[in-house]
Amino acid sequence: HIAHDGALLQRVALADLGLANPLSHVRVLADGRLIVGQAAPSGLFLCDVGAMRCERLIPAGETAHALMLAIDQRAGRVAVSDNAGHRLLLIDLASHRIIDATEPRRVLHPNGIAFLSDGTLLVSETDRRALARFEVGPDGFGKPLAEYRVNQGPLRPGRHYPMEFAGTANGKWWVLVAEEGMQNADLMIQGHRCCRLRGC
């Protein structure tokens, strides 16, 4: 836990929380609890660091390898990109219930994931070489809305695979676009160039 000025506030051993290394993603809830994605063995946990306690959000074996997370705090839900399972999951934080899961391979090696201000979900689909935007309704995932290609532009040779992204104040995204094996990425700014779904 690090302050804005870089000062170390707290260090907690994963073993003390009952977690295993490596982790894949961490997000913080408004009350200070953590949602933690564990890569191996794959799992999703809700952690109270003050009480030094974590509990599973979904059953063991439900996901495969690395998980990336996005939180919709108002709706009390977390969206999960299940990387090696080629799925997206939507989970209710109060009941720990899986609200919805996409069929396998509807998304291909999903990585970075974020809720946008309009309630839609943006996902980096690594093997499709694109960012994809999906509807999210009360009962789960809706139709895909748009696809933003990232294997174009002034990238070094071999950089085709979007890993992670972060939004800017003007509605664009910084995107890490890597070589195969998720290494040696370039950082690019992605605008709103959108192409026809699955037909680019």
Protein backbone atom coordinates (compact mmCIF):
# COMPACT_ATOMS: atom_id res chain seq x y z
CA HIS A 1 0.00 0.00 0.00
CA ILE A 2 1.74 3.16 -1.27
CA ALA A 3 0.80 6.82 -0.71
CA HIS A 4 0.48 9.33 -3.55
CA ASP A 5 3.94 10.69 -2.73
CA GLY A 6 5.45 7.20 -3.04
CA ALA A 7 5.82 6.55 0.68
CA LEU A 8 5.30 2.94 1.73
CA LEU A 9 2.29 2.75 4.06
CA GLN A 10 1.92 -0.99 4.54
CA ARG A 11 3.37 -4.27 3.32
CA VAL A 12 1.47 -7.55 3.71
CA ALA A 13 2.77 -11.00 2.85
CA LEU A 14 0.45 -12.87 0.50
CA ALA A 15 0.80 -15.98 2.64
CA ASP A 16 -0.62 -14.06 5.62
CA LEU A 17 -3.79 -13.48 3.58
CA GLY A 18 -3.93 -17.08 2.44
CA LEU A 19 -3.07 -16.14 -1.14
CA ALA A 20 -0.56 -17.70 -3.50
CA ASN A 21 1.88 -16.07 -5.89
CA PRO A 22 1.52 -14.98 -8.67
CA LEU A 23 -1.39 -12.56 -8.51
CA SER A 24 -2.76 -11.10 -11.73
CA HIS A 25 -4.82 -8.04 -10.67
CA VAL A 26 -6.01 -6.03 -7.67
CA ARG A 27 -8.87 -3.54 -7.38
CA VAL A 28 -9.94 -1.51 -4.32
CA LEU A 29 -13.54 -1.12 -3.15
CA ALA A 30 -14.81 2.14 -1.64
CA ASP A 31 -14.68 0.61 1.86
CA GLY A 32 -10.99 -0.31 1.47
CA ARG A 33 -11.45 -4.02 0.86
CA LEU A 34 -9.61 -5.57 -2.07
CA ILE A 35 -10.78 -7.71 -4.97
CA VAL A 36 -7.81 -9.89 -5.91
CA GLY A 37 -7.28 -12.03 -8.97
CA GLN A 38 -4.86 -14.91 -8.45
CA ALA A 39 -3.22 -16.39 -11.55
CA ALA A 40 -2.04 -19.76 -10.28
CA PRO A 41 -4.00 -21.49 -9.01
CA SER A 42 -6.61 -19.31 -10.69
CA GLY A 43 -9.08 -17.71 -8.29
CA LEU A 44 -10.96 -14.58 -7.28
CA PHE A 45 -10.94 -13.32 -3.67
CA LEU A 46 -12.48 -10.58 -1.54
CA CYS A 47 -9.87 -9.48 1.02
CA ASP A 48 -10.06 -7.43 4.21
CA VAL A 49 -6.42 -6.53 4.88
CA GLY A 50 -7.25 -5.01 8.29
CA ALA A 51 -8.68 -8.33 9.45
CA MET A 52 -6.04 -10.28 7.46
CA ARG A 53 -8.75 -12.38 5.87
CA CYS A 54 -9.71 -13.32 2.31
CA GLU A 55 -12.71 -15.26 1.07
CA ARG A 56 -13.38 -16.77 -2.32
CA LEU A 57 -15.80 -14.93 -4.56
CA ILE A 58 -16.24 -17.83 -6.98
CA PRO A 59 -15.63 -21.58 -6.61
CA ALA A 60 -12.17 -23.01 -7.17
CA GLY A 61 -11.69 -24.25 -10.70
CA GLU A 62 -14.24 -21.85 -12.21
CA THR A 63 -11.53 -19.82 -14.01
CA ALA A 64 -8.31 -20.60 -15.85
CA HIS A 65 -5.03 -18.76 -15.20
CA ALA A 66 -4.85 -14.95 -14.99
CA LEU A 67 -7.85 -12.77 -14.12
CA MET A 68 -8.24 -9.04 -14.74
CA LEU A 69 -10.93 -7.09 -12.90
CA ALA A 70 -13.30 -4.15 -13.26
CA ILE A 71 -15.65 -2.92 -10.52
CA ASP A 72 -19.05 -1.27 -10.93
CA GLN A 73 -19.32 0.00 -7.36
CA ARG A 74 -22.82 1.48 -7.78
CA ALA A 75 -24.26 -1.80 -9.01
CA GLY A 76 -22.19 -3.88 -6.60
CA ARG A 77 -20.72 -6.02 -9.36
CA VAL A 78 -17.31 -7.06 -10.59
CA ALA A 79 -16.53 -8.03 -14.18
CA VAL A 80 -13.74 -10.55 -14.70
CA SER A 81 -11.73 -11.40 -17.80
CA ASP A 82 -10.93 -15.10 -17.49
CA ASN A 83 -7.86 -15.21 -19.71
CA ALA A 84 -7.19 -18.87 -20.50
CA GLY A 85 -10.90 -19.71 -20.12
CA HIS A 86 -11.68 -17.27 -22.98
CA ARG A 87 -14.68 -15.89 -21.05
CA LEU A 88 -16.06 -12.85 -19.27
CA LEU A 89 -17.80 -13.29 -15.91
CA LEU A 90 -20.10 -10.89 -14.07
CA ILE A 91 -20.29 -11.41 -10.30
CA ASP A 92 -22.57 -9.94 -7.64
CA LEU A 93 -20.41 -8.75 -4.73
CA ALA A 94 -23.11 -9.12 -2.08
CA SER A 95 -24.15 -12.69 -2.85
CA HIS A 96 -20.91 -13.91 -4.48
CA ARG A 97 -23.16 -15.22 -7.25
CA ILE A 98 -22.07 -15.44 -10.87
CA ILE A 99 -24.74 -13.38 -12.65
CA ASP A 100 -23.55 -14.24 -16.14
CA ALA A 101 -20.67 -15.80 -18.05
CA THR A 102 -20.07 -15.60 -21.77
CA GLU A 103 -19.85 -18.85 -23.68
CA PRO A 104 -16.25 -20.07 -24.08
CA ARG A 105 -14.33 -18.37 -26.90
CA ARG A 106 -16.83 -15.56 -27.41
CA VAL A 107 -13.78 -13.52 -26.40
CA LEU A 108 -10.25 -14.72 -27.12
CA HIS A 109 -7.65 -14.37 -24.34
CA PRO A 110 -9.31 -11.33 -22.72
CA ASN A 111 -6.98 -9.25 -20.57
CA GLY A 112 -7.50 -5.60 -19.57
CA ILE A 113 -11.09 -4.74 -18.66
CA ALA A 114 -12.93 -1.60 -17.49
CA PHE A 115 -16.44 -0.24 -17.02
CA LEU A 116 -16.96 2.96 -19.00
CA SER A 117 -19.02 5.92 -17.80
CA ASP A 118 -22.04 4.79 -19.85
CA GLY A 119 -22.08 1.39 -18.11
CA THR A 120 -20.63 -0.53 -21.04
CA LEU A 121 -17.58 -2.76 -20.68
CA LEU A 122 -14.32 -2.33 -22.58
CA VAL A 123 -12.10 -5.43 -22.92
CA SER A 124 -8.73 -5.97 -24.54
CA GLU A 125 -9.21 -9.08 -26.67
CA THR A 126 -5.59 -10.03 -27.12
CA ASP A 127 -5.98 -12.68 -29.81
CA ARG A 128 -8.37 -10.50 -31.85
CA ARG A 129 -5.84 -7.66 -31.65
CA ALA A 130 -8.53 -5.22 -30.58
CA LEU A 131 -10.38 -3.50 -27.78
CA ALA A 132 -14.01 -4.59 -27.75
CA ARG A 133 -16.96 -2.83 -26.10
CA PHE A 134 -19.95 -4.79 -24.76
CA GLU A 135 -23.36 -3.93 -23.37
CA VAL A 136 -23.91 -4.86 -19.71
CA GLY A 137 -27.47 -5.05 -18.42
CA PRO A 138 -29.05 -6.01 -15.08
CA ASP A 139 -28.99 -9.69 -16.03
CA GLY A 140 -25.57 -9.86 -17.63
CA PHE A 141 -23.65 -9.24 -20.80
CA GLY A 142 -25.42 -7.98 -23.88
CA LYS A 143 -24.38 -7.65 -27.47
CA PRO A 144 -20.94 -6.48 -28.63
CA LEU A 145 -21.12 -2.83 -29.64
CA ALA A 146 -17.81 -1.88 -31.22
CA GLU A 147 -14.31 -3.07 -31.93
CA TYR A 148 -11.21 -0.83 -31.95
CA ARG A 149 -8.23 -2.28 -33.81
CA VAL A 150 -4.82 -1.79 -32.18
CA ASN A 151 -2.45 -3.59 -34.58
CA GLN A 152 -2.24 -0.47 -36.74
CA GLY A 153 -0.23 2.70 -36.57
CA PRO A 154 3.36 3.49 -35.59
CA LEU A 155 4.17 0.29 -33.66
CA ARG A 156 7.45 -1.57 -33.80
CA PRO A 157 7.36 -4.81 -35.81
CA GLY A 158 5.70 -7.74 -34.04
CA ARG A 159 3.60 -5.65 -31.64
CA HIS A 160 0.07 -6.90 -32.25
CA TYR A 161 -1.43 -8.01 -28.93
CA PRO A 162 -3.24 -5.56 -26.58
CA MET A 163 -2.62 -6.41 -22.92
CA GLU A 164 -3.86 -3.59 -20.73
CA PHE A 165 -5.22 -0.06 -21.14
CA ALA A 166 -6.03 3.04 -19.12
CA GLY A 167 -8.55 5.74 -20.00
CA THR A 168 -7.78 9.43 -20.45
CA ALA A 169 -9.92 12.41 -19.48
CA ASN A 170 -10.86 13.07 -23.12
CA GLY A 171 -12.19 9.57 -23.79
CA LYS A 172 -9.14 7.97 -25.39
CA TRP A 173 -7.03 5.09 -24.06
CA TRP A 174 -3.38 4.39 -23.43
CA VAL A 175 -2.89 0.81 -24.63
CA LEU A 176 0.02 -1.59 -24.10
CA VAL A 177 0.48 -3.56 -27.33
CA ALA A 178 2.89 -6.46 -26.92
CA GLU A 179 4.75 -9.10 -28.84
CA GLU A 180 3.60 -12.71 -28.67
CA GLY A 181 4.18 -13.96 -25.14
CA MET A 182 3.09 -10.59 -23.68
CA GLN A 183 6.58 -9.06 -23.77
CA ASN A 184 8.34 -5.92 -25.05
CA ALA A 185 5.18 -3.84 -25.43
CA ASP A 186 4.74 -0.47 -27.09
CA LEU A 187 2.51 2.15 -25.45
CA MET A 188 0.11 3.85 -27.84
CA ILE A 189 -2.84 6.25 -27.62
CA GLN A 190 -6.00 4.72 -29.09
CA GLY A 191 -8.74 7.03 -30.31
CA HIS A 192 -12.27 6.24 -31.39
CA ARG A 193 -11.50 4.66 -34.75
CA CYS A 194 -14.01 1.86 -34.78
CA CYS A 195 -14.48 -0.79 -37.39
CA ARG A 196 -17.33 -3.12 -38.21
CA LEU A 197 -17.59 -5.89 -35.64
CA ARG A 198 -15.64 -9.03 -36.48
CA GLY A 199 -15.30 -7.91 -40.06
CA CYS A 200 -12.21 -5.72 -40.05
